[in-house]
């Protein structure tokens, strides 16, 4: 089992960088639709793809003017380095249609109602095709809304197992398993004195070497 004191020491060294990143997320959350939607698209791209590649793909879509107006084929072509790009292009267009146009949901309004993050997560999982619990949690964290939600990707699960929070790394996560694991991570967070919002970025940085998103 990994050393908790060493984990605390690592956090102490990276705390300032982590806190700065969290403040960046809060700034994004105060933005308008054209700031929020790219973060949603980023999270739609992340399954089985590298974070840096997904971020680069979103930037490319914005540069080419495709994020808000592009057709599926154009978007798919621009998703260089992203796996399952045809499916993900379809999901980007689907999400865009959900929030843009006559009768569409107002993304800014949904996020500014003061609704609890867990309730918001359920809404996004239910309504945005391609967002599971991990991706919806990721989106809400990246806009400063869901700091107490767990983003249970392979990096986080690996560390939870190494620190004895989980007995094994499950091959997949059902809703029940996801929420149970989230509770375990929250308990662990309290026990070691590192907030959930920081623990995720700490684990991620320990695996990748950087504090990203």
Foldseek 3Di string as FASTA:
>chain_A
DDDLVVLVVLCVVCVVVLVVQQVQLQVLLPDAPVSLLLLLLLLLQPVVFDSVLSVVLSVQCVVVVCQQPNDLVVSLVSSPRTPPSSVSSVLSVVVNVQCDDPPHDGPNCLQPPPDQLVVQLVVCCVRRPSDDSLSSLSSCSSNNRNLLFDNDDPLVLVVCCVVPLDVDRDPDADPVRRVVSSVSVCVVCVVSVHGSSRVRQSSVCVVVVDRDD
